[in-house]
PDB file of N, CA and C in Angstrom:
ATOM      1  N   UNK A   1     -42.120  11.651  30.620  1.00  0.00           N
ATOM      2  CA  UNK A   1     -43.425  11.511  31.235  1.00  0.00           C
ATOM      3  C   UNK A   1     -43.516  12.306  32.544  1.00  0.00           C
ATOM      4  N   UNK A   2     -42.494  12.203  33.384  1.00  0.00           N
ATOM      5  CA  UNK A   2     -42.521  12.919  34.658  1.00  0.00           C
ATOM      6  C   UNK A   2     -42.484  14.422  34.458  1.00  0.00           C
ATOM      7  N   UNK A   3     -41.808  14.889  33.391  1.00  0.00           N
ATOM      8  CA  UNK A   3     -41.802  16.327  33.123  1.00  0.00           C
ATOM      9  C   UNK A   3     -43.192  16.818  32.742  1.00  0.00           C
ATOM     10  N   UNK A   4     -43.994  15.967  32.113  1.00  0.00           N
ATOM     11  CA  UNK A   4     -45.372  16.349  31.795  1.00  0.00           C
ATOM     12  C   UNK A   4     -46.180  16.537  33.075  1.00  0.00           C
ATOM     13  N   UNK A   5     -45.989  15.655  34.026  1.00  0.00           N
ATOM     14  CA  UNK A   5     -46.667  15.792  35.323  1.00  0.00           C
ATOM     15  C   UNK A   5     -46.174  17.050  36.024  1.00  0.00           C
ATOM     16  N   UNK A   6     -44.861  17.260  36.005  1.00  0.00           N
ATOM     17  CA  UNK A   6     -44.287  18.457  36.617  1.00  0.00           C
ATOM     18  C   UNK A   6     -44.838  19.715  35.953  1.00  0.00           C
ATOM     19  N   UNK A   7     -45.049  19.662  34.647  1.00  0.00           N
ATOM     20  CA  UNK A   7     -45.568  20.844  33.939  1.00  0.00           C
ATOM     21  C   UNK A   7     -46.959  21.220  34.435  1.00  0.00           C
ATOM     22  N   UNK A   8     -47.736  20.238  34.840  1.00  0.00           N
ATOM     23  CA  UNK A   8     -49.067  20.531  35.398  1.00  0.00           C
ATOM     24  C   UNK A   8     -48.940  21.254  36.734  1.00  0.00           C
ATOM     25  N   UNK A   9     -48.017  20.800  37.554  1.00  0.00           N
ATOM     26  CA  UNK A   9     -47.770  21.478  38.837  1.00  0.00           C
ATOM     27  C   UNK A   9     -47.225  22.896  38.609  1.00  0.00           C
ATOM     28  N   UNK A  10     -46.346  23.034  37.640  1.00  0.00           N
ATOM     29  CA  UNK A  10     -45.798  24.363  37.320  1.00  0.00           C
ATOM     30  C   UNK A  10     -46.915  25.277  36.845  1.00  0.00           C
ATOM     31  N   UNK A  11     -47.798  24.753  35.993  1.00  0.00           N
ATOM     32  CA  UNK A  11     -48.952  25.534  35.530  1.00  0.00           C
ATOM     33  C   UNK A  11     -49.835  25.967  36.681  1.00  0.00           C
ATOM     34  N   UNK A  12     -50.033  25.074  37.636  1.00  0.00           N
ATOM     35  CA  UNK A  12     -50.824  25.408  38.824  1.00  0.00           C
ATOM     36  C   UNK A  12     -50.149  26.510  39.630  1.00  0.00           C
ATOM     37  N   UNK A  13     -48.836  26.424  39.773  1.00  0.00           N
ATOM     38  CA  UNK A  13     -48.084  27.456  40.500  1.00  0.00           C
ATOM     39  C   UNK A  13     -48.209  28.807  39.795  1.00  0.00           C
ATOM     40  N   UNK A  14     -48.140  28.794  38.474  1.00  0.00           N
ATOM     41  CA  UNK A  14     -48.259  30.038  37.706  1.00  0.00           C
ATOM     42  C   UNK A  14     -49.647  30.633  37.881  1.00  0.00           C
ATOM     43  N   UNK A  15     -50.681  29.799  37.745  1.00  0.00           N
ATOM     44  CA  UNK A  15     -52.053  30.306  37.871  1.00  0.00           C
ATOM     45  C   UNK A  15     -52.336  30.836  39.273  1.00  0.00           C
ATOM     46  N   UNK A  16     -51.689  30.267  40.288  1.00  0.00           N
ATOM     47  CA  UNK A  16     -51.934  30.722  41.658  1.00  0.00           C
ATOM     48  C   UNK A  16     -51.002  31.863  42.074  1.00  0.00           C
ATOM     49  N   UNK A  17     -50.137  32.303  41.150  1.00  0.00           N
ATOM     50  CA  UNK A  17     -49.249  33.428  41.442  1.00  0.00           C
ATOM     51  C   UNK A  17     -48.091  33.067  42.360  1.00  0.00           C
ATOM     52  N   UNK A  18     -47.700  31.810  42.356  1.00  0.00           N
ATOM     53  CA  UNK A  18     -46.636  31.321  43.232  1.00  0.00           C
ATOM     54  C   UNK A  18     -45.323  31.120  42.470  1.00  0.00           C
ATOM     55  N   UNK A  19     -45.062  32.005  41.498  1.00  0.00           N
ATOM     56  CA  UNK A  19     -43.874  31.886  40.654  1.00  0.00           C
ATOM     57  C   UNK A  19     -43.186  33.238  40.523  1.00  0.00           C
ATOM     58  N   UNK A  20     -41.861  33.201  40.514  1.00  0.00           N
ATOM     59  CA  UNK A  20     -41.040  34.378  40.238  1.00  0.00           C
ATOM     60  C   UNK A  20     -40.389  34.117  38.878  1.00  0.00           C
ATOM     61  N   UNK A  21     -40.534  35.052  37.945  1.00  0.00           N
ATOM     62  CA  UNK A  21     -40.035  34.875  36.590  1.00  0.00           C
ATOM     63  C   UNK A  21     -38.681  35.555  36.411  1.00  0.00           C
ATOM     64  N   UNK A  22     -37.690  34.798  35.986  1.00  0.00           N
ATOM     65  CA  UNK A  22     -36.398  35.365  35.629  1.00  0.00           C
ATOM     66  C   UNK A  22     -35.418  35.472  36.785  1.00  0.00           C
ATOM     67  N   UNK A  23     -34.150  35.511  36.413  1.00  0.00           N
ATOM     68  CA  UNK A  23     -33.060  35.566  37.383  1.00  0.00           C
ATOM     69  C   UNK A  23     -33.097  36.838  38.223  1.00  0.00           C
ATOM     70  N   UNK A  24     -33.344  37.976  37.599  1.00  0.00           N
ATOM     71  CA  UNK A  24     -33.338  39.234  38.341  1.00  0.00           C
ATOM     72  C   UNK A  24     -34.376  39.245  39.466  1.00  0.00           C
ATOM     73  N   UNK A  25     -35.564  38.748  39.192  1.00  0.00           N
ATOM     74  CA  UNK A  25     -36.608  38.700  40.222  1.00  0.00           C
ATOM     75  C   UNK A  25     -36.250  37.700  41.318  1.00  0.00           C
ATOM     76  N   UNK A  26     -35.601  36.606  40.917  1.00  0.00           N
ATOM     77  CA  UNK A  26     -35.178  35.628  41.934  1.00  0.00           C
ATOM     78  C   UNK A  26     -34.104  36.216  42.837  1.00  0.00           C
ATOM     79  N   UNK A  27     -33.227  37.041  42.264  1.00  0.00           N
ATOM     80  CA  UNK A  27     -32.190  37.688  43.077  1.00  0.00           C
ATOM     81  C   UNK A  27     -32.792  38.698  44.047  1.00  0.00           C
ATOM     82  N   UNK A  28     -33.909  39.347  43.652  1.00  0.00           N
ATOM     83  CA  UNK A  28     -34.573  40.307  44.521  1.00  0.00           C
ATOM     84  C   UNK A  28     -35.234  39.626  45.722  1.00  0.00           C
ATOM     85  N   UNK A  29     -35.757  38.397  45.501  1.00  0.00           N
ATOM     86  CA  UNK A  29     -36.505  37.699  46.548  1.00  0.00           C
ATOM     87  C   UNK A  29     -36.002  36.266  46.721  1.00  0.00           C
ATOM     88  N   UNK A  30     -34.716  36.088  47.000  1.00  0.00           N
ATOM     89  CA  UNK A  30     -34.181  34.718  47.061  1.00  0.00           C
ATOM     90  C   UNK A  30     -34.751  33.878  48.203  1.00  0.00           C
ATOM     91  N   UNK A  31     -35.167  34.516  49.279  1.00  0.00           N
ATOM     92  CA  UNK A  31     -35.694  33.755  50.414  1.00  0.00           C
ATOM     93  C   UNK A  31     -37.085  33.198  50.147  1.00  0.00           C
ATOM     94  N   UNK A  32     -37.778  33.743  49.142  1.00  0.00           N
ATOM     95  CA  UNK A  32     -39.100  33.227  48.788  1.00  0.00           C
ATOM     96  C   UNK A  32     -39.017  32.014  47.871  1.00  0.00           C
ATOM     97  N   UNK A  33     -37.945  31.906  47.099  1.00  0.00           N
ATOM     98  CA  UNK A  33     -37.827  30.859  46.087  1.00  0.00           C
ATOM     99  C   UNK A  33     -37.480  29.530  46.754  1.00  0.00           C
ATOM    100  N   UNK A  34     -38.289  28.525  46.473  1.00  0.00           N
ATOM    101  CA  UNK A  34     -38.090  27.190  47.045  1.00  0.00           C
ATOM    102  C   UNK A  34     -37.553  26.198  46.023  1.00  0.00           C
ATOM    103  N   UNK A  35     -37.690  26.514  44.727  1.00  0.00           N
ATOM    104  CA  UNK A  35     -37.227  25.629  43.662  1.00  0.00           C
ATOM    105  C   UNK A  35     -36.973  26.459  42.411  1.00  0.00           C
ATOM    106  N   UNK A  36     -35.828  26.241  41.777  1.00  0.00           N
ATOM    107  CA  UNK A  36     -35.489  26.927  40.535  1.00  0.00           C
ATOM    108  C   UNK A  36     -35.611  25.926  39.392  1.00  0.00           C
ATOM    109  N   UNK A  37     -36.305  26.342  38.336  1.00  0.00           N
ATOM    110  CA  UNK A  37     -36.442  25.512  37.145  1.00  0.00           C
ATOM    111  C   UNK A  37     -35.980  26.326  35.956  1.00  0.00           C
ATOM    112  N   UNK A  38     -35.114  25.729  35.136  1.00  0.00           N
ATOM    113  CA  UNK A  38     -34.652  26.430  33.937  1.00  0.00           C
ATOM    114  C   UNK A  38     -34.713  25.502  32.734  1.00  0.00           C
ATOM    115  N   UNK A  39     -34.599  26.088  31.557  1.00  0.00           N
ATOM    116  CA  UNK A  39     -34.652  25.355  30.293  1.00  0.00           C
ATOM    117  C   UNK A  39     -33.256  24.927  29.861  1.00  0.00           C
ATOM    118  N   UNK A  40     -33.198  23.925  29.024  1.00  0.00           N
ATOM    119  CA  UNK A  40     -31.932  23.550  28.396  1.00  0.00           C
ATOM    120  C   UNK A  40     -31.434  24.667  27.483  1.00  0.00           C
ATOM    121  N   UNK A  41     -32.373  25.473  26.982  1.00  0.00           N
ATOM    122  CA  UNK A  41     -32.001  26.564  26.081  1.00  0.00           C
ATOM    123  C   UNK A  41     -31.408  27.768  26.815  1.00  0.00           C
ATOM    124  N   UNK A  42     -31.328  27.702  28.138  1.00  0.00           N
ATOM    125  CA  UNK A  42     -30.712  28.791  28.906  1.00  0.00           C
ATOM    126  C   UNK A  42     -29.221  28.848  28.589  1.00  0.00           C
ATOM    127  N   UNK A  43     -28.705  30.050  28.507  1.00  0.00           N
ATOM    128  CA  UNK A  43     -27.282  30.217  28.207  1.00  0.00           C
ATOM    129  C   UNK A  43     -26.437  29.680  29.356  1.00  0.00           C
ATOM    130  N   UNK A  44     -25.179  29.405  29.052  1.00  0.00           N
ATOM    131  CA  UNK A  44     -24.284  28.903  30.094  1.00  0.00           C
ATOM    132  C   UNK A  44     -24.082  29.948  31.189  1.00  0.00           C
ATOM    133  N   UNK A  45     -24.077  31.240  30.815  1.00  0.00           N
ATOM    134  CA  UNK A  45     -23.945  32.312  31.811  1.00  0.00           C
ATOM    135  C   UNK A  45     -25.159  32.351  32.742  1.00  0.00           C
ATOM    136  N   UNK A  46     -26.351  32.221  32.168  1.00  0.00           N
ATOM    137  CA  UNK A  46     -27.558  32.215  32.989  1.00  0.00           C
ATOM    138  C   UNK A  46     -27.555  31.009  33.917  1.00  0.00           C
ATOM    139  N   UNK A  47     -27.209  29.854  33.382  1.00  0.00           N
ATOM    140  CA  UNK A  47     -27.194  28.651  34.217  1.00  0.00           C
ATOM    141  C   UNK A  47     -26.169  28.784  35.343  1.00  0.00           C
ATOM    142  N   UNK A  48     -25.026  29.364  35.049  1.00  0.00           N
ATOM    143  CA  UNK A  48     -24.003  29.569  36.089  1.00  0.00           C
ATOM    144  C   UNK A  48     -24.521  30.516  37.172  1.00  0.00           C
ATOM    145  N   UNK A  49     -25.207  31.578  36.767  1.00  0.00           N
ATOM    146  CA  UNK A  49     -25.767  32.525  37.740  1.00  0.00           C
ATOM    147  C   UNK A  49     -26.854  31.864  38.583  1.00  0.00           C
ATOM    148  N   UNK A  50     -27.699  31.053  37.944  1.00  0.00           N
ATOM    149  CA  UNK A  50     -28.733  30.323  38.679  1.00  0.00           C
ATOM    150  C   UNK A  50     -28.105  29.333  39.648  1.00  0.00           C
ATOM    151  N   UNK A  51     -27.049  28.686  39.192  1.00  0.00           N
ATOM    152  CA  UNK A  51     -26.353  27.725  40.033  1.00  0.00           C
ATOM    153  C   UNK A  51     -25.733  28.416  41.251  1.00  0.00           C
ATOM    154  N   UNK A  52     -25.169  29.605  41.057  1.00  0.00           N
ATOM    155  CA  UNK A  52     -24.614  30.378  42.169  1.00  0.00           C
ATOM    156  C   UNK A  52     -25.708  30.746  43.174  1.00  0.00           C
ATOM    157  N   UNK A  53     -26.850  31.195  42.661  1.00  0.00           N
ATOM    158  CA  UNK A  53     -27.982  31.541  43.519  1.00  0.00           C
ATOM    159  C   UNK A  53     -28.462  30.302  44.282  1.00  0.00           C
ATOM    160  N   UNK A  54     -28.534  29.198  43.575  1.00  0.00           N
ATOM    161  CA  UNK A  54     -28.952  27.936  44.171  1.00  0.00           C
ATOM    162  C   UNK A  54     -28.018  27.519  45.311  1.00  0.00           C
ATOM    163  N   UNK A  55     -26.735  27.637  45.070  1.00  0.00           N
ATOM    164  CA  UNK A  55     -25.740  27.261  46.071  1.00  0.00           C
ATOM    165  C   UNK A  55     -25.769  28.205  47.267  1.00  0.00           C
ATOM    166  N   UNK A  56     -25.830  29.496  46.992  1.00  0.00           N
ATOM    167  CA  UNK A  56     -25.788  30.505  48.054  1.00  0.00           C
ATOM    168  C   UNK A  56     -26.981  30.390  49.006  1.00  0.00           C
ATOM    169  N   UNK A  57     -28.178  30.129  48.460  1.00  0.00           N
ATOM    170  CA  UNK A  57     -29.388  30.098  49.272  1.00  0.00           C
ATOM    171  C   UNK A  57     -29.942  28.691  49.477  1.00  0.00           C
ATOM    172  N   UNK A  58     -29.173  27.673  49.068  1.00  0.00           N
ATOM    173  CA  UNK A  58     -29.572  26.278  49.234  1.00  0.00           C
ATOM    174  C   UNK A  58     -30.942  25.992  48.610  1.00  0.00           C
ATOM    175  N   UNK A  59     -31.092  26.386  47.349  1.00  0.00           N
ATOM    176  CA  UNK A  59     -32.326  26.179  46.597  1.00  0.00           C
ATOM    177  C   UNK A  59     -32.068  25.091  45.551  1.00  0.00           C
ATOM    178  N   UNK A  60     -32.896  24.047  45.526  1.00  0.00           N
ATOM    179  CA  UNK A  60     -32.719  23.032  44.483  1.00  0.00           C
ATOM    180  C   UNK A  60     -32.940  23.637  43.092  1.00  0.00           C
ATOM    181  N   UNK A  61     -32.212  23.124  42.109  1.00  0.00           N
ATOM    182  CA  UNK A  61     -32.336  23.610  40.737  1.00  0.00           C
ATOM    183  C   UNK A  61     -32.475  22.420  39.794  1.00  0.00           C
ATOM    184  N   UNK A  62     -33.372  22.549  38.819  1.00  0.00           N
ATOM    185  CA  UNK A  62     -33.597  21.500  37.828  1.00  0.00           C
ATOM    186  C   UNK A  62     -33.669  22.109  36.441  1.00  0.00           C
ATOM    187  N   UNK A  63     -33.170  21.352  35.473  1.00  0.00           N
ATOM    188  CA  UNK A  63     -33.257  21.745  34.071  1.00  0.00           C
ATOM    189  C   UNK A  63     -34.283  20.873  33.381  1.00  0.00           C
ATOM    190  N   UNK A  64     -35.209  21.506  32.670  1.00  0.00           N
ATOM    191  CA  UNK A  64     -36.198  20.766  31.887  1.00  0.00           C
ATOM    192  C   UNK A  64     -35.551  20.283  30.601  1.00  0.00           C
ATOM    193  N   UNK A  65     -35.829  19.061  30.219  1.00  0.00           N
ATOM    194  CA  UNK A  65     -35.208  18.488  29.035  1.00  0.00           C
ATOM    195  C   UNK A  65     -36.169  18.337  27.853  1.00  0.00           C
ATOM    196  N   UNK A  66     -37.443  18.115  28.125  1.00  0.00           N
ATOM    197  CA  UNK A  66     -38.390  17.781  27.062  1.00  0.00           C
ATOM    198  C   UNK A  66     -39.246  18.938  26.566  1.00  0.00           C
ATOM    199  N   UNK A  67     -39.264  20.034  27.277  1.00  0.00           N
ATOM    200  CA  UNK A  67     -40.003  21.212  26.832  1.00  0.00           C
ATOM    201  C   UNK A  67     -39.394  22.448  27.450  1.00  0.00           C
ATOM    202  N   UNK A  68     -39.796  23.598  26.964  1.00  0.00           N
ATOM    203  CA  UNK A  68     -39.252  24.849  27.483  1.00  0.00           C
ATOM    204  C   UNK A  68     -40.299  25.558  28.335  1.00  0.00           C
ATOM    205  N   UNK A  69     -39.839  26.462  29.142  1.00  0.00           N
ATOM    206  CA  UNK A  69     -40.751  27.273  29.943  1.00  0.00           C
ATOM    207  C   UNK A  69     -41.622  28.123  29.030  1.00  0.00           C
ATOM    208  N   UNK A  70     -41.046  28.591  27.919  1.00  0.00           N
ATOM    209  CA  UNK A  70     -41.812  29.381  26.958  1.00  0.00           C
ATOM    210  C   UNK A  70     -43.021  28.607  26.440  1.00  0.00           C
ATOM    211  N   UNK A  71     -42.848  27.330  26.152  1.00  0.00           N
ATOM    212  CA  UNK A  71     -43.962  26.502  25.689  1.00  0.00           C
ATOM    213  C   UNK A  71     -45.013  26.353  26.776  1.00  0.00           C
ATOM    214  N   UNK A  72     -44.562  26.251  27.995  1.00  0.00           N
ATOM    215  CA  UNK A  72     -45.468  26.053  29.114  1.00  0.00           C
ATOM    216  C   UNK A  72     -46.309  27.286  29.407  1.00  0.00           C
ATOM    217  N   UNK A  73     -45.681  28.456  29.400  1.00  0.00           N
ATOM    218  CA  UNK A  73     -46.412  29.671  29.787  1.00  0.00           C
ATOM    219  C   UNK A  73     -46.823  30.524  28.596  1.00  0.00           C
ATOM    220  N   UNK A  74     -46.578  30.013  27.394  1.00  0.00           N
ATOM    221  CA  UNK A  74     -47.011  30.680  26.156  1.00  0.00           C
ATOM    222  C   UNK A  74     -46.464  32.102  26.052  1.00  0.00           C
ATOM    223  N   UNK A  75     -45.161  32.217  26.209  1.00  0.00           N
ATOM    224  CA  UNK A  75     -44.494  33.504  26.097  1.00  0.00           C
ATOM    225  C   UNK A  75     -43.155  33.309  25.407  1.00  0.00           C
ATOM    226  N   UNK A  76     -42.386  34.365  25.319  1.00  0.00           N
ATOM    227  CA  UNK A  76     -41.073  34.281  24.709  1.00  0.00           C
ATOM    228  C   UNK A  76     -40.014  34.768  25.689  1.00  0.00           C
ATOM    229  N   UNK A  77     -38.836  34.176  25.565  1.00  0.00           N
ATOM    230  CA  UNK A  77     -37.638  34.642  26.268  1.00  0.00           C
ATOM    231  C   UNK A  77     -37.699  34.519  27.786  1.00  0.00           C
ATOM    232  N   UNK A  78     -38.387  33.524  28.294  1.00  0.00           N
ATOM    233  CA  UNK A  78     -38.338  33.221  29.726  1.00  0.00           C
ATOM    234  C   UNK A  78     -37.600  31.902  29.857  1.00  0.00           C
ATOM    235  N   UNK A  79     -36.458  31.932  30.464  1.00  0.00           N
ATOM    236  CA  UNK A  79     -35.607  30.746  30.559  1.00  0.00           C
ATOM    237  C   UNK A  79     -35.553  30.146  31.953  1.00  0.00           C
ATOM    238  N   UNK A  80     -36.026  30.887  32.960  1.00  0.00           N
ATOM    239  CA  UNK A  80     -35.948  30.387  34.336  1.00  0.00           C
ATOM    240  C   UNK A  80     -37.104  30.930  35.165  1.00  0.00           C
ATOM    241  N   UNK A  81     -37.599  30.066  36.048  1.00  0.00           N
ATOM    242  CA  UNK A  81     -38.638  30.472  36.997  1.00  0.00           C
ATOM    243  C   UNK A  81     -38.269  29.942  38.377  1.00  0.00           C
ATOM    244  N   UNK A  82     -38.797  30.606  39.378  1.00  0.00           N
ATOM    245  CA  UNK A  82     -38.629  30.157  40.756  1.00  0.00           C
ATOM    246  C   UNK A  82     -39.993  29.883  41.357  1.00  0.00           C
ATOM    247  N   UNK A  83     -40.185  28.703  41.883  1.00  0.00           N
ATOM    248  CA  UNK A  83     -41.443  28.338  42.537  1.00  0.00           C
ATOM    249  C   UNK A  83     -41.364  28.803  43.987  1.00  0.00           C
ATOM    250  N   UNK A  84     -42.374  29.565  44.434  1.00  0.00           N
ATOM    251  CA  UNK A  84     -42.340  30.120  45.786  1.00  0.00           C
ATOM    252  C   UNK A  84     -43.216  29.351  46.772  1.00  0.00           C
ATOM    253  N   UNK A  85     -44.144  28.568  46.292  1.00  0.00           N
ATOM    254  CA  UNK A  85     -44.999  27.786  47.178  1.00  0.00           C
ATOM    255  C   UNK A  85     -44.237  26.535  47.609  1.00  0.00           C
ATOM    256  N   UNK A  86     -43.985  26.362  48.911  1.00  0.00           N
ATOM    257  CA  UNK A  86     -43.174  25.225  49.359  1.00  0.00           C
ATOM    258  C   UNK A  86     -43.789  23.865  49.033  1.00  0.00           C
ATOM    259  N   UNK A  87     -45.115  23.757  49.107  1.00  0.00           N
ATOM    260  CA  UNK A  87     -45.767  22.473  48.822  1.00  0.00           C
ATOM    261  C   UNK A  87     -45.682  22.118  47.344  1.00  0.00           C
ATOM    262  N   UNK A  88     -45.932  23.083  46.482  1.00  0.00           N
ATOM    263  CA  UNK A  88     -45.807  22.825  45.042  1.00  0.00           C
ATOM    264  C   UNK A  88     -44.356  22.549  44.669  1.00  0.00           C
ATOM    265  N   UNK A  89     -43.435  23.285  45.268  1.00  0.00           N
ATOM    266  CA  UNK A  89     -42.013  23.052  45.000  1.00  0.00           C
ATOM    267  C   UNK A  89     -41.626  21.629  45.382  1.00  0.00           C
ATOM    268  N   UNK A  90     -42.122  21.165  46.516  1.00  0.00           N
ATOM    269  CA  UNK A  90     -41.820  19.808  46.967  1.00  0.00           C
ATOM    270  C   UNK A  90     -42.369  18.764  45.996  1.00  0.00           C
ATOM    271  N   UNK A  91     -43.605  18.962  45.525  1.00  0.00           N
ATOM    272  CA  UNK A  91     -44.213  18.013  44.592  1.00  0.00           C
ATOM    273  C   UNK A  91     -43.479  17.996  43.256  1.00  0.00           C
ATOM    274  N   UNK A  92     -43.148  19.176  42.746  1.00  0.00           N
ATOM    275  CA  UNK A  92     -42.421  19.262  41.475  1.00  0.00           C
ATOM    276  C   UNK A  92     -41.064  18.587  41.613  1.00  0.00           C
ATOM    277  N   UNK A  93     -40.391  18.848  42.712  1.00  0.00           N
ATOM    278  CA  UNK A  93     -39.075  18.243  42.951  1.00  0.00           C
ATOM    279  C   UNK A  93     -39.173  16.727  42.994  1.00  0.00           C
ATOM    280  N   UNK A  94     -40.166  16.189  43.697  1.00  0.00           N
ATOM    281  CA  UNK A  94     -40.349  14.743  43.775  1.00  0.00           C
ATOM    282  C   UNK A  94     -40.588  14.129  42.396  1.00  0.00           C
ATOM    283  N   UNK A  95     -41.420  14.779  41.608  1.00  0.00           N
ATOM    284  CA  UNK A  95     -41.734  14.274  40.271  1.00  0.00           C
ATOM    285  C   UNK A  95     -40.494  14.306  39.383  1.00  0.00           C
ATOM    286  N   UNK A  96     -39.764  15.400  39.412  1.00  0.00           N
ATOM    287  CA  UNK A  96     -38.566  15.527  38.568  1.00  0.00           C
ATOM    288  C   UNK A  96     -37.448  14.592  39.018  1.00  0.00           C
ATOM    289  N   UNK A  97     -37.353  14.318  40.304  1.00  0.00           N
ATOM    290  CA  UNK A  97     -36.314  13.411  40.804  1.00  0.00           C
ATOM    291  C   UNK A  97     -36.565  11.977  40.363  1.00  0.00           C
ATOM    292  N   UNK A  98     -37.831  11.608  40.193  1.00  0.00           N
ATOM    293  CA  UNK A  98     -38.152  10.257  39.718  1.00  0.00           C
ATOM    294  C   UNK A  98     -37.613  10.004  38.318  1.00  0.00           C
ATOM    295  N   UNK A  99     -37.480  11.075  37.557  1.00  0.00           N
ATOM    296  CA  UNK A  99     -37.010  10.953  36.170  1.00  0.00           C
ATOM    297  C   UNK A  99     -35.504  10.721  36.090  1.00  0.00           C
ATOM    298  N   UNK A 100     -34.777  11.203  37.077  1.00  0.00           N
ATOM    299  CA  UNK A 100     -33.308  11.123  37.009  1.00  0.00           C
ATOM    300  C   UNK A 100     -32.776   9.766  37.321  1.00  0.00           C
TER     301      UNK A 100
END
């Protein structure tokens, strides 16, 4: 249920252009990323790289369990996004933390 609420916030971030798509873009602009979200379908190598980025720049990271980013943004082969808006990142983080 909380992931559904989070998906609405993620959709809002996408529509407002407050998202960085993919690991490479997050590595280019790590200081802009306030929250990393990835899918369960992400490879172990991708998750390890995201985790390293998260640790290095102190960025919270969450894995979605009930849906994929591809389903959310209606595309293929996107396994990770970075939320750049601090307020949206905070709201998404709060919602996802309630689920854990």
